[in-house]
């Protein structure tokens, strides 16, 4: 049985969060065909990859995604948990009974970014 590398985190883990001036984007990611770090690590380890990262995830949602997948993680699997910006947090949206991830924008206003 092949082991699995589980990665949890925000857009950097998911693969779309490398900011243009970020060292990863400058030195390594030259095109969309280039592998992201979870793919590189799983290939080097010869592990199957389960990338559970998602763009705009708060730390609350990262923890929720770990809990939702916990029962599927096997003894010899590897789990890597990436944290996101501390200022992302979830609030309830009572209209649709879901959580909204909000984060201060550059003007120090709160803006809705992601709902699940």
PDB file of N, CA and C in Angstrom:
ATOM      1  N   UNK A   1       0.845  -1.187   0.000  1.00  0.00           N
ATOM      2  CA  UNK A   1       0.000   0.000   0.000  1.00  0.00           C
ATOM      3  C   UNK A   1       0.888   1.247   0.000  1.00  0.00           C
ATOM      4  N   UNK A   2       0.559   2.174  -0.866  1.00  0.00           N
ATOM      5  CA  UNK A   2       1.336   3.407  -0.952  1.00  0.00           C
ATOM      6  C   UNK A   2       0.833   4.393   0.110  1.00  0.00           C
ATOM      7  N   UNK A   3       1.780   5.047   0.760  1.00  0.00           N
ATOM      8  CA  UNK A   3       1.431   6.035   1.786  1.00  0.00           C
ATOM      9  C   UNK A   3       0.988   7.334   1.140  1.00  0.00           C
ATOM     10  N   UNK A   4       0.326   8.165   1.948  1.00  0.00           N
ATOM     11  CA  UNK A   4      -0.225   9.420   1.459  1.00  0.00           C
ATOM     12  C   UNK A   4       0.393  10.593   2.192  1.00  0.00           C
ATOM     13  N   UNK A   5       0.694  11.652   1.443  1.00  0.00           N
ATOM     14  CA  UNK A   5       1.081  12.938   2.011  1.00  0.00           C
ATOM     15  C   UNK A   5      -0.165  13.796   2.028  1.00  0.00           C
ATOM     16  N   UNK A   6      -0.597  14.217   3.222  1.00  0.00           N
ATOM     17  CA  UNK A   6      -1.747  15.094   3.401  1.00  0.00           C
ATOM     18  C   UNK A   6      -1.237  16.510   3.647  1.00  0.00           C
ATOM     19  N   UNK A   7      -1.719  17.461   2.863  1.00  0.00           N
ATOM     20  CA  UNK A   7      -1.346  18.852   3.080  1.00  0.00           C
ATOM     21  C   UNK A   7      -2.605  19.679   3.313  1.00  0.00           C
ATOM     22  N   UNK A   8      -2.574  20.460   4.375  1.00  0.00           N
ATOM     23  CA  UNK A   8      -3.680  21.329   4.755  1.00  0.00           C
ATOM     24  C   UNK A   8      -3.157  22.753   4.823  1.00  0.00           C
ATOM     25  N   UNK A   9      -3.951  23.707   4.361  1.00  0.00           N
ATOM     26  CA  UNK A   9      -3.498  25.087   4.431  1.00  0.00           C
ATOM     27  C   UNK A   9      -4.336  26.012   3.571  1.00  0.00           C
ATOM     28  N   UNK A  10      -3.746  27.161   3.270  1.00  0.00           N
ATOM     29  CA  UNK A  10      -4.452  28.186   2.490  1.00  0.00           C
ATOM     30  C   UNK A  10      -4.000  28.120   1.030  1.00  0.00           C
ATOM     31  N   UNK A  11      -4.058  29.241   0.339  1.00  0.00           N
ATOM     32  CA  UNK A  11      -3.770  29.254  -1.095  1.00  0.00           C
ATOM     33  C   UNK A  11      -2.324  28.887  -1.424  1.00  0.00           C
ATOM     34  N   UNK A  12      -1.388  29.111  -0.535  1.00  0.00           N
ATOM     35  CA  UNK A  12      -0.008  28.702  -0.808  1.00  0.00           C
ATOM     36  C   UNK A  12       0.074  27.179  -0.902  1.00  0.00           C
ATOM     37  N   UNK A  13      -0.672  26.484  -0.061  1.00  0.00           N
ATOM     38  CA  UNK A  13      -0.728  25.027  -0.120  1.00  0.00           C
ATOM     39  C   UNK A  13      -1.539  24.575  -1.334  1.00  0.00           C
ATOM     40  N   UNK A  14      -2.646  25.233  -1.591  1.00  0.00           N
ATOM     41  CA  UNK A  14      -3.519  24.877  -2.716  1.00  0.00           C
ATOM     42  C   UNK A  14      -2.811  25.089  -4.052  1.00  0.00           C
ATOM     43  N   UNK A  15      -1.976  26.135  -4.127  1.00  0.00           N
ATOM     44  CA  UNK A  15      -1.192  26.337  -5.333  1.00  0.00           C
ATOM     45  C   UNK A  15      -1.454  27.622  -6.073  1.00  0.00           C
ATOM     46  N   UNK A  16      -2.440  28.394  -5.646  1.00  0.00           N
ATOM     47  CA  UNK A  16      -2.720  29.631  -6.369  1.00  0.00           C
ATOM     48  C   UNK A  16      -2.360  30.867  -5.563  1.00  0.00           C
ATOM     49  N   UNK A  17      -1.678  30.699  -4.440  1.00  0.00           N
ATOM     50  CA  UNK A  17      -1.436  31.825  -3.555  1.00  0.00           C
ATOM     51  C   UNK A  17      -0.037  32.380  -3.520  1.00  0.00           C
ATOM     52  N   UNK A  18       0.754  32.058  -4.497  1.00  0.00           N
ATOM     53  CA  UNK A  18       2.114  32.584  -4.510  1.00  0.00           C
ATOM     54  C   UNK A  18       2.081  33.993  -5.077  1.00  0.00           C
ATOM     55  N   UNK A  19       2.274  34.953  -4.238  1.00  0.00           N
ATOM     56  CA  UNK A  19       2.233  36.344  -4.660  1.00  0.00           C
ATOM     57  C   UNK A  19       3.344  36.618  -5.674  1.00  0.00           C
ATOM     58  N   UNK A  20       3.097  37.512  -6.628  1.00  0.00           N
ATOM     59  CA  UNK A  20       4.100  37.752  -7.680  1.00  0.00           C
ATOM     60  C   UNK A  20       5.487  38.109  -7.164  1.00  0.00           C
ATOM     61  N   UNK A  21       5.599  38.773  -6.033  1.00  0.00           N
ATOM     62  CA  UNK A  21       6.909  39.153  -5.500  1.00  0.00           C
ATOM     63  C   UNK A  21       7.419  38.165  -4.449  1.00  0.00           C
ATOM     64  N   UNK A  22       6.681  37.075  -4.228  1.00  0.00           N
ATOM     65  CA  UNK A  22       7.072  36.033  -3.293  1.00  0.00           C
ATOM     66  C   UNK A  22       8.273  35.285  -3.861  1.00  0.00           C
ATOM     67  N   UNK A  23       9.192  34.870  -2.985  1.00  0.00           N
ATOM     68  CA  UNK A  23      10.427  34.210  -3.435  1.00  0.00           C
ATOM     69  C   UNK A  23      10.138  32.946  -4.237  1.00  0.00           C
ATOM     70  N   UNK A  24       9.071  32.226  -3.885  1.00  0.00           N
ATOM     71  CA  UNK A  24       8.729  31.017  -4.645  1.00  0.00           C
ATOM     72  C   UNK A  24       8.368  31.382  -6.085  1.00  0.00           C
ATOM     73  N   UNK A  25       7.536  32.401  -6.250  1.00  0.00           N
ATOM     74  CA  UNK A  25       7.114  32.808  -7.592  1.00  0.00           C
ATOM     75  C   UNK A  25       8.289  33.342  -8.411  1.00  0.00           C
ATOM     76  N   UNK A  26       9.185  34.049  -7.764  1.00  0.00           N
ATOM     77  CA  UNK A  26      10.322  34.637  -8.468  1.00  0.00           C
ATOM     78  C   UNK A  26      11.333  33.568  -8.887  1.00  0.00           C
ATOM     79  N   UNK A  27      11.665  32.654  -7.974  1.00  0.00           N
ATOM     80  CA  UNK A  27      12.745  31.708  -8.249  1.00  0.00           C
ATOM     81  C   UNK A  27      12.308  30.386  -8.855  1.00  0.00           C
ATOM     82  N   UNK A  28      11.072  29.956  -8.566  1.00  0.00           N
ATOM     83  CA  UNK A  28      10.726  28.580  -8.932  1.00  0.00           C
ATOM     84  C   UNK A  28       9.528  28.447  -9.874  1.00  0.00           C
ATOM     85  N   UNK A  29       8.487  29.203  -9.662  1.00  0.00           N
ATOM     86  CA  UNK A  29       7.274  29.010 -10.453  1.00  0.00           C
ATOM     87  C   UNK A  29       7.308  29.923 -11.666  1.00  0.00           C
ATOM     88  N   UNK A  30       7.797  29.391 -12.751  1.00  0.00           N
ATOM     89  CA  UNK A  30       7.928  30.168 -13.981  1.00  0.00           C
ATOM     90  C   UNK A  30       6.684  30.070 -14.860  1.00  0.00           C
ATOM     91  N   UNK A  31       5.903  28.985 -14.692  1.00  0.00           N
ATOM     92  CA  UNK A  31       4.677  28.825 -15.472  1.00  0.00           C
ATOM     93  C   UNK A  31       3.679  28.007 -14.655  1.00  0.00           C
ATOM     94  N   UNK A  32       2.450  27.939 -15.131  1.00  0.00           N
ATOM     95  CA  UNK A  32       1.425  27.153 -14.448  1.00  0.00           C
ATOM     96  C   UNK A  32       1.691  25.656 -14.525  1.00  0.00           C
ATOM     97  N   UNK A  33       2.612  25.241 -15.378  1.00  0.00           N
ATOM     98  CA  UNK A  33       2.952  23.821 -15.488  1.00  0.00           C
ATOM     99  C   UNK A  33       3.933  23.377 -14.403  1.00  0.00           C
ATOM    100  N   UNK A  34       4.600  24.342 -13.752  1.00  0.00           N
ATOM    101  CA  UNK A  34       5.545  24.007 -12.692  1.00  0.00           C
ATOM    102  C   UNK A  34       4.807  23.439 -11.487  1.00  0.00           C
ATOM    103  N   UNK A  35       5.438  22.475 -10.826  1.00  0.00           N
ATOM    104  CA  UNK A  35       4.821  21.841  -9.664  1.00  0.00           C
ATOM    105  C   UNK A  35       4.814  22.789  -8.470  1.00  0.00           C
ATOM    106  N   UNK A  36       3.794  22.642  -7.622  1.00  0.00           N
ATOM    107  CA  UNK A  36       3.740  23.378  -6.361  1.00  0.00           C
ATOM    108  C   UNK A  36       4.375  22.506  -5.285  1.00  0.00           C
ATOM    109  N   UNK A  37       4.674  23.100  -4.122  1.00  0.00           N
ATOM    110  CA  UNK A  37       5.463  22.380  -3.128  1.00  0.00           C
ATOM    111  C   UNK A  37       4.843  21.050  -2.676  1.00  0.00           C
ATOM    112  N   UNK A  38       3.516  20.913  -2.488  1.00  0.00           N
ATOM    113  CA  UNK A  38       3.007  19.590  -2.102  1.00  0.00           C
ATOM    114  C   UNK A  38       3.291  18.518  -3.165  1.00  0.00           C
ATOM    115  N   UNK A  39       3.218  18.904  -4.436  1.00  0.00           N
ATOM    116  CA  UNK A  39       3.521  17.957  -5.510  1.00  0.00           C
ATOM    117  C   UNK A  39       4.986  17.562  -5.498  1.00  0.00           C
ATOM    118  N   UNK A  40       5.862  18.517  -5.261  1.00  0.00           N
ATOM    119  CA  UNK A  40       7.301  18.238  -5.217  1.00  0.00           C
ATOM    120  C   UNK A  40       7.615  17.292  -4.067  1.00  0.00           C
ATOM    121  N   UNK A  41       7.077  17.578  -2.880  1.00  0.00           N
ATOM    122  CA  UNK A  41       7.357  16.740  -1.701  1.00  0.00           C
ATOM    123  C   UNK A  41       6.809  15.332  -1.901  1.00  0.00           C
ATOM    124  N   UNK A  42       5.570  15.205  -2.382  1.00  0.00           N
ATOM    125  CA  UNK A  42       4.983  13.870  -2.566  1.00  0.00           C
ATOM    126  C   UNK A  42       5.757  13.062  -3.603  1.00  0.00           C
ATOM    127  N   UNK A  43       6.241  13.725  -4.659  1.00  0.00           N
ATOM    128  CA  UNK A  43       7.039  13.036  -5.671  1.00  0.00           C
ATOM    129  C   UNK A  43       8.361  12.547  -5.079  1.00  0.00           C
ATOM    130  N   UNK A  44       9.031  13.406  -4.322  1.00  0.00           N
ATOM    131  CA  UNK A  44      10.309  13.022  -3.704  1.00  0.00           C
ATOM    132  C   UNK A  44      10.141  11.858  -2.724  1.00  0.00           C
ATOM    133  N   UNK A  45       9.018  11.841  -2.002  1.00  0.00           N
ATOM    134  CA  UNK A  45       8.761  10.771  -1.029  1.00  0.00           C
ATOM    135  C   UNK A  45       8.136   9.536  -1.660  1.00  0.00           C
ATOM    136  N   UNK A  46       7.706   9.653  -2.920  1.00  0.00           N
ATOM    137  CA  UNK A  46       6.952   8.599  -3.594  1.00  0.00           C
ATOM    138  C   UNK A  46       5.658   8.290  -2.826  1.00  0.00           C
ATOM    139  N   UNK A  47       4.987   9.340  -2.402  1.00  0.00           N
ATOM    140  CA  UNK A  47       3.711   9.233  -1.689  1.00  0.00           C
ATOM    141  C   UNK A  47       2.600   9.741  -2.601  1.00  0.00           C
ATOM    142  N   UNK A  48       1.407   9.199  -2.404  1.00  0.00           N
ATOM    143  CA  UNK A  48       0.220   9.754  -3.048  1.00  0.00           C
ATOM    144  C   UNK A  48      -0.084  11.086  -2.362  1.00  0.00           C
ATOM    145  N   UNK A  49      -0.607  12.054  -3.093  1.00  0.00           N
ATOM    146  CA  UNK A  49      -0.882  13.381  -2.537  1.00  0.00           C
ATOM    147  C   UNK A  49      -2.369  13.605  -2.345  1.00  0.00           C
ATOM    148  N   UNK A  50      -2.739  14.075  -1.160  1.00  0.00           N
ATOM    149  CA  UNK A  50      -4.086  14.573  -0.864  1.00  0.00           C
ATOM    150  C   UNK A  50      -3.900  16.016  -0.415  1.00  0.00           C
ATOM    151  N   UNK A  51      -4.037  16.948  -1.352  1.00  0.00           N
ATOM    152  CA  UNK A  51      -3.863  18.359  -1.046  1.00  0.00           C
ATOM    153  C   UNK A  51      -5.223  18.948  -0.693  1.00  0.00           C
ATOM    154  N   UNK A  52      -5.412  19.284   0.582  1.00  0.00           N
ATOM    155  CA  UNK A  52      -6.683  19.795   1.071  1.00  0.00           C
ATOM    156  C   UNK A  52      -6.628  21.315   1.245  1.00  0.00           C
ATOM    157  N   UNK A  53      -5.569  21.944   0.801  1.00  0.00           N
ATOM    158  CA  UNK A  53      -5.479  23.395   0.883  1.00  0.00           C
ATOM    159  C   UNK A  53      -6.544  24.062   0.026  1.00  0.00           C
ATOM    160  N   UNK A  54      -6.872  25.308   0.380  1.00  0.00           N
ATOM    161  CA  UNK A  54      -7.879  26.061  -0.371  1.00  0.00           C
ATOM    162  C   UNK A  54      -7.582  27.545  -0.248  1.00  0.00           C
ATOM    163  N   UNK A  55      -7.753  28.259  -1.322  1.00  0.00           N
ATOM    164  CA  UNK A  55      -7.548  29.699  -1.299  1.00  0.00           C
ATOM    165  C   UNK A  55      -8.491  30.393  -0.327  1.00  0.00           C
ATOM    166  N   UNK A  56      -7.965  31.372   0.393  1.00  0.00           N
ATOM    167  CA  UNK A  56      -8.696  32.188   1.363  1.00  0.00           C
ATOM    168  C   UNK A  56      -9.163  31.422   2.604  1.00  0.00           C
ATOM    169  N   UNK A  57      -8.594  30.259   2.874  1.00  0.00           N
ATOM    170  CA  UNK A  57      -8.954  29.546   4.099  1.00  0.00           C
ATOM    171  C   UNK A  57      -8.444  30.311   5.311  1.00  0.00           C
ATOM    172  N   UNK A  58      -9.270  30.407   6.333  1.00  0.00           N
ATOM    173  CA  UNK A  58      -8.842  30.925   7.632  1.00  0.00           C
ATOM    174  C   UNK A  58      -8.213  29.768   8.404  1.00  0.00           C
ATOM    175  N   UNK A  59      -7.554  30.063   9.520  1.00  0.00           N
ATOM    176  CA  UNK A  59      -7.022  28.989  10.359  1.00  0.00           C
ATOM    177  C   UNK A  59      -8.151  28.125  10.900  1.00  0.00           C
ATOM    178  N   UNK A  60      -9.318  28.728  11.147  1.00  0.00           N
ATOM    179  CA  UNK A  60     -10.486  27.949  11.586  1.00  0.00           C
ATOM    180  C   UNK A  60     -10.851  26.900  10.539  1.00  0.00           C
ATOM    181  N   UNK A  61     -10.893  27.311   9.282  1.00  0.00           N
ATOM    182  CA  UNK A  61     -11.269  26.376   8.208  1.00  0.00           C
ATOM    183  C   UNK A  61     -10.182  25.329   7.977  1.00  0.00           C
ATOM    184  N   UNK A  62      -8.929  25.705   8.184  1.00  0.00           N
ATOM    185  CA  UNK A  62      -7.851  24.719   8.061  1.00  0.00           C
ATOM    186  C   UNK A  62      -8.040  23.636   9.116  1.00  0.00           C
ATOM    187  N   UNK A  63      -8.328  24.027  10.345  1.00  0.00           N
ATOM    188  CA  UNK A  63      -8.562  23.050  11.417  1.00  0.00           C
ATOM    189  C   UNK A  63      -9.793  22.211  11.096  1.00  0.00           C
ATOM    190  N   UNK A  64     -10.861  22.843  10.616  1.00  0.00           N
ATOM    191  CA  UNK A  64     -12.064  22.095  10.233  1.00  0.00           C
ATOM    192  C   UNK A  64     -11.740  21.053   9.161  1.00  0.00           C
ATOM    193  N   UNK A  65     -10.909  21.414   8.182  1.00  0.00           N
ATOM    194  CA  UNK A  65     -10.582  20.470   7.108  1.00  0.00           C
ATOM    195  C   UNK A  65      -9.767  19.286   7.641  1.00  0.00           C
ATOM    196  N   UNK A  66      -8.951  19.521   8.657  1.00  0.00           N
ATOM    197  CA  UNK A  66      -8.207  18.417   9.284  1.00  0.00           C
ATOM    198  C   UNK A  66      -9.180  17.483   9.989  1.00  0.00           C
ATOM    199  N   UNK A  67     -10.102  18.057  10.750  1.00  0.00           N
ATOM    200  CA  UNK A  67     -11.090  17.247  11.471  1.00  0.00           C
ATOM    201  C   UNK A  67     -11.940  16.430  10.499  1.00  0.00           C
ATOM    202  N   UNK A  68     -12.358  17.054   9.387  1.00  0.00           N
ATOM    203  CA  UNK A  68     -13.191  16.366   8.394  1.00  0.00           C
ATOM    204  C   UNK A  68     -12.463  15.191   7.730  1.00  0.00           C
ATOM    205  N   UNK A  69     -11.145  15.234   7.667  1.00  0.00           N
ATOM    206  CA  UNK A  69     -10.371  14.190   6.992  1.00  0.00           C
ATOM    207  C   UNK A  69      -9.621  13.266   7.939  1.00  0.00           C
ATOM    208  N   UNK A  70      -9.703  13.514   9.224  1.00  0.00           N
ATOM    209  CA  UNK A  70      -8.916  12.787  10.223  1.00  0.00           C
ATOM    210  C   UNK A  70      -9.064  11.269  10.109  1.00  0.00           C
ATOM    211  N   UNK A  71     -10.276  10.802   9.936  1.00  0.00           N
ATOM    212  CA  UNK A  71     -10.516   9.352   9.917  1.00  0.00           C
ATOM    213  C   UNK A  71      -9.904   8.664   8.694  1.00  0.00           C
ATOM    214  N   UNK A  72      -9.536   9.431   7.665  1.00  0.00           N
ATOM    215  CA  UNK A  72      -8.963   8.863   6.446  1.00  0.00           C
ATOM    216  C   UNK A  72      -7.438   8.828   6.476  1.00  0.00           C
ATOM    217  N   UNK A  73      -6.834   9.451   7.468  1.00  0.00           N
ATOM    218  CA  UNK A  73      -5.374   9.498   7.568  1.00  0.00           C
ATOM    219  C   UNK A  73      -4.891   8.216   8.231  1.00  0.00           C
ATOM    220  N   UNK A  74      -3.976   7.517   7.555  1.00  0.00           N
ATOM    221  CA  UNK A  74      -3.468   6.240   8.054  1.00  0.00           C
ATOM    222  C   UNK A  74      -2.186   6.430   8.858  1.00  0.00           C
ATOM    223  N   UNK A  75      -1.818   5.390   9.579  1.00  0.00           N
ATOM    224  CA  UNK A  75      -0.692   5.423  10.506  1.00  0.00           C
ATOM    225  C   UNK A  75       0.610   5.912   9.866  1.00  0.00           C
ATOM    226  N   UNK A  76       0.957   5.459   8.695  1.00  0.00           N
ATOM    227  CA  UNK A  76       2.235   5.812   8.082  1.00  0.00           C
ATOM    228  C   UNK A  76       2.152   6.972   7.099  1.00  0.00           C
ATOM    229  N   UNK A  77       1.004   7.627   7.044  1.00  0.00           N
ATOM    230  CA  UNK A  77       0.873   8.823   6.209  1.00  0.00           C
ATOM    231  C   UNK A  77       1.626   9.981   6.852  1.00  0.00           C
ATOM    232  N   UNK A  78       1.927  10.988   6.060  1.00  0.00           N
ATOM    233  CA  UNK A  78       2.553  12.218   6.561  1.00  0.00           C
ATOM    234  C   UNK A  78       1.551  13.345   6.422  1.00  0.00           C
ATOM    235  N   UNK A  79       1.453  14.176   7.468  1.00  0.00           N
ATOM    236  CA  UNK A  79       0.532  15.314   7.473  1.00  0.00           C
ATOM    237  C   UNK A  79       1.348  16.593   7.648  1.00  0.00           C
ATOM    238  N   UNK A  80       1.134  17.542   6.742  1.00  0.00           N
ATOM    239  CA  UNK A  80       1.757  18.865   6.854  1.00  0.00           C
ATOM    240  C   UNK A  80       0.637  19.888   6.937  1.00  0.00           C
ATOM    241  N   UNK A  81       0.695  20.727   7.974  1.00  0.00           N
ATOM    242  CA  UNK A  81      -0.335  21.735   8.198  1.00  0.00           C
ATOM    243  C   UNK A  81       0.300  23.111   8.042  1.00  0.00           C
ATOM    244  N   UNK A  82      -0.210  23.867   7.085  1.00  0.00           N
ATOM    245  CA  UNK A  82       0.232  25.238   6.895  1.00  0.00           C
ATOM    246  C   UNK A  82      -0.774  26.178   7.530  1.00  0.00           C
ATOM    247  N   UNK A  83      -0.287  27.205   8.180  1.00  0.00           N
ATOM    248  CA  UNK A  83      -1.205  28.182   8.769  1.00  0.00           C
ATOM    249  C   UNK A  83      -1.312  29.379   7.847  1.00  0.00           C
ATOM    250  N   UNK A  84      -2.357  30.151   8.034  1.00  0.00           N
ATOM    251  CA  UNK A  84      -2.580  31.311   7.191  1.00  0.00           C
ATOM    252  C   UNK A  84      -2.383  32.582   8.001  1.00  0.00           C
ATOM    253  N   UNK A  85      -2.738  33.703   7.415  1.00  0.00           N
ATOM    254  CA  UNK A  85      -2.618  34.989   8.091  1.00  0.00           C
ATOM    255  C   UNK A  85      -3.517  35.019   9.329  1.00  0.00           C
ATOM    256  N   UNK A  86      -3.025  35.565  10.404  1.00  0.00           N
ATOM    257  CA  UNK A  86      -3.773  35.606  11.663  1.00  0.00           C
ATOM    258  C   UNK A  86      -5.031  36.450  11.566  1.00  0.00           C
ATOM    259  N   UNK A  87      -5.091  37.395  10.655  1.00  0.00           N
ATOM    260  CA  UNK A  87      -6.234  38.295  10.601  1.00  0.00           C
ATOM    261  C   UNK A  87      -7.409  37.743   9.789  1.00  0.00           C
ATOM    262  N   UNK A  88      -7.282  36.564   9.224  1.00  0.00           N
ATOM    263  CA  UNK A  88      -8.428  35.916   8.572  1.00  0.00           C
ATOM    264  C   UNK A  88      -9.227  35.191   9.645  1.00  0.00           C
ATOM    265  N   UNK A  89     -10.500  35.426   9.667  1.00  0.00           N
ATOM    266  CA  UNK A  89     -11.333  34.709  10.631  1.00  0.00           C
ATOM    267  C   UNK A  89     -12.735  34.536  10.070  1.00  0.00           C
ATOM    268  N   UNK A  90     -13.491  33.639  10.690  1.00  0.00           N
ATOM    269  CA  UNK A  90     -14.822  33.289  10.218  1.00  0.00           C
ATOM    270  C   UNK A  90     -15.889  33.934  11.079  1.00  0.00           C
ATOM    271  N   UNK A  91     -16.963  34.359  10.434  1.00  0.00           N
ATOM    272  CA  UNK A  91     -18.138  34.835  11.150  1.00  0.00           C
ATOM    273  C   UNK A  91     -19.354  34.129  10.558  1.00  0.00           C
ATOM    274  N   UNK A  92     -20.412  33.965  11.346  1.00  0.00           N
ATOM    275  CA  UNK A  92     -21.606  33.302  10.808  1.00  0.00           C
ATOM    276  C   UNK A  92     -22.368  34.206   9.850  1.00  0.00           C
ATOM    277  N   UNK A  93     -22.889  33.603   8.801  1.00  0.00           N
ATOM    278  CA  UNK A  93     -23.795  34.269   7.874  1.00  0.00           C
ATOM    279  C   UNK A  93     -25.168  33.652   8.126  1.00  0.00           C
ATOM    280  N   UNK A  94     -26.015  34.376   8.803  1.00  0.00           N
ATOM    281  CA  UNK A  94     -27.301  33.828   9.222  1.00  0.00           C
ATOM    282  C   UNK A  94     -28.284  33.680   8.068  1.00  0.00           C
ATOM    283  N   UNK A  95     -28.037  34.332   6.948  1.00  0.00           N
ATOM    284  CA  UNK A  95     -28.931  34.212   5.797  1.00  0.00           C
ATOM    285  C   UNK A  95     -28.897  32.820   5.181  1.00  0.00           C
ATOM    286  N   UNK A  96     -27.710  32.220   5.128  1.00  0.00           N
ATOM    287  CA  UNK A  96     -27.616  30.893   4.517  1.00  0.00           C
ATOM    288  C   UNK A  96     -27.021  29.854   5.469  1.00  0.00           C
ATOM    289  N   UNK A  97     -26.895  30.197   6.731  1.00  0.00           N
ATOM    290  CA  UNK A  97     -26.420  29.251   7.752  1.00  0.00           C
ATOM    291  C   UNK A  97     -25.015  28.718   7.454  1.00  0.00           C
ATOM    292  N   UNK A  98     -24.163  29.561   6.900  1.00  0.00           N
ATOM    293  CA  UNK A  98     -22.783  29.179   6.595  1.00  0.00           C
ATOM    294  C   UNK A  98     -21.832  30.175   7.233  1.00  0.00           C
ATOM    295  N   UNK A  99     -20.543  29.834   7.189  1.00  0.00           N
ATOM    296  CA  UNK A  99     -19.517  30.733   7.697  1.00  0.00           C
ATOM    297  C   UNK A  99     -18.917  31.549   6.560  1.00  0.00           C
ATOM    298  N   UNK A 100     -18.549  32.772   6.856  1.00  0.00           N
ATOM    299  CA  UNK A 100     -17.883  33.649   5.906  1.00  0.00           C
ATOM    300  C   UNK A 100     -16.492  33.941   6.453  1.00  0.00           C
ATOM    301  N   UNK A 101     -15.471  33.759   5.628  1.00  0.00           N
ATOM    302  CA  UNK A 101     -14.124  34.148   6.009  1.00  0.00           C
ATOM    303  C   UNK A 101     -13.932  35.604   5.630  1.00  0.00           C
ATOM    304  N   UNK A 102     -13.523  36.410   6.597  1.00  0.00           N
ATOM    305  CA  UNK A 102     -13.267  37.812   6.327  1.00  0.00           C
ATOM    306  C   UNK A 102     -11.832  38.148   6.696  1.00  0.00           C
ATOM    307  N   UNK A 103     -11.350  39.202   6.076  1.00  0.00           N
ATOM    308  CA  UNK A 103      -9.978  39.622   6.277  1.00  0.00           C
ATOM    309  C   UNK A 103      -9.902  41.117   6.011  1.00  0.00           C
ATOM    310  N   UNK A 104      -9.151  41.853   6.814  1.00  0.00           N
ATOM    311  CA  UNK A 104      -9.023  43.291   6.530  1.00  0.00           C
ATOM    312  C   UNK A 104      -8.413  43.522   5.150  1.00  0.00           C
ATOM    313  N   UNK A 105      -8.969  44.440   4.405  1.00  0.00           N
ATOM    314  CA  UNK A 105      -8.382  44.791   3.119  1.00  0.00           C
ATOM    315  C   UNK A 105      -7.431  45.969   3.322  1.00  0.00           C
ATOM    316  N   UNK A 106      -6.739  46.414   2.303  1.00  0.00           N
ATOM    317  CA  UNK A 106      -5.743  47.485   2.484  1.00  0.00           C
ATOM    318  C   UNK A 106      -6.293  48.772   3.101  1.00  0.00           C
ATOM    319  N   UNK A 107      -7.577  49.013   2.957  1.00  0.00           N
ATOM    320  CA  UNK A 107      -8.166  50.222   3.541  1.00  0.00           C
ATOM    321  C   UNK A 107      -8.657  49.982   4.967  1.00  0.00           C
ATOM    322  N   UNK A 108      -8.255  48.840   5.562  1.00  0.00           N
ATOM    323  CA  UNK A 108      -8.643  48.450   6.917  1.00  0.00           C
ATOM    324  C   UNK A 108     -10.146  48.247   7.076  1.00  0.00           C
ATOM    325  N   UNK A 109     -10.799  47.883   6.002  1.00  0.00           N
ATOM    326  CA  UNK A 109     -12.205  47.540   6.049  1.00  0.00           C
ATOM    327  C   UNK A 109     -12.326  46.026   6.000  1.00  0.00           C
ATOM    328  N   UNK A 110     -13.399  45.502   6.530  1.00  0.00           N
ATOM    329  CA  UNK A 110     -13.603  44.077   6.452  1.00  0.00           C
ATOM    330  C   UNK A 110     -14.310  43.748   5.147  1.00  0.00           C
ATOM    331  N   UNK A 111     -13.865  42.692   4.501  1.00  0.00           N
ATOM    332  CA  UNK A 111     -14.492  42.300   3.249  1.00  0.00           C
ATOM    333  C   UNK A 111     -14.730  40.805   3.237  1.00  0.00           C
ATOM    334  N   UNK A 112     -15.819  40.390   2.609  1.00  0.00           N
ATOM    335  CA  UNK A 112     -16.130  38.982   2.483  1.00  0.00           C
ATOM    336  C   UNK A 112     -15.217  38.382   1.421  1.00  0.00           C
ATOM    337  N   UNK A 113     -14.602  37.257   1.741  1.00  0.00           N
ATOM    338  CA  UNK A 113     -13.684  36.639   0.791  1.00  0.00           C
ATOM    339  C   UNK A 113     -14.076  35.228   0.380  1.00  0.00           C
ATOM    340  N   UNK A 114     -14.577  34.451   1.285  1.00  0.00           N
ATOM    341  CA  UNK A 114     -14.811  33.039   0.981  1.00  0.00           C
ATOM    342  C   UNK A 114     -15.951  32.544   1.838  1.00  0.00           C
ATOM    343  N   UNK A 115     -16.866  31.814   1.264  1.00  0.00           N
ATOM    344  CA  UNK A 115     -17.939  31.201   2.043  1.00  0.00           C
ATOM    345  C   UNK A 115     -17.932  29.707   1.796  1.00  0.00           C
ATOM    346  N   UNK A 116     -18.315  28.977   2.826  1.00  0.00           N
ATOM    347  CA  UNK A 116     -18.425  27.530   2.705  1.00  0.00           C
ATOM    348  C   UNK A 116     -19.568  27.079   3.542  1.00  0.00           C
TER     349      UNK A 116
END
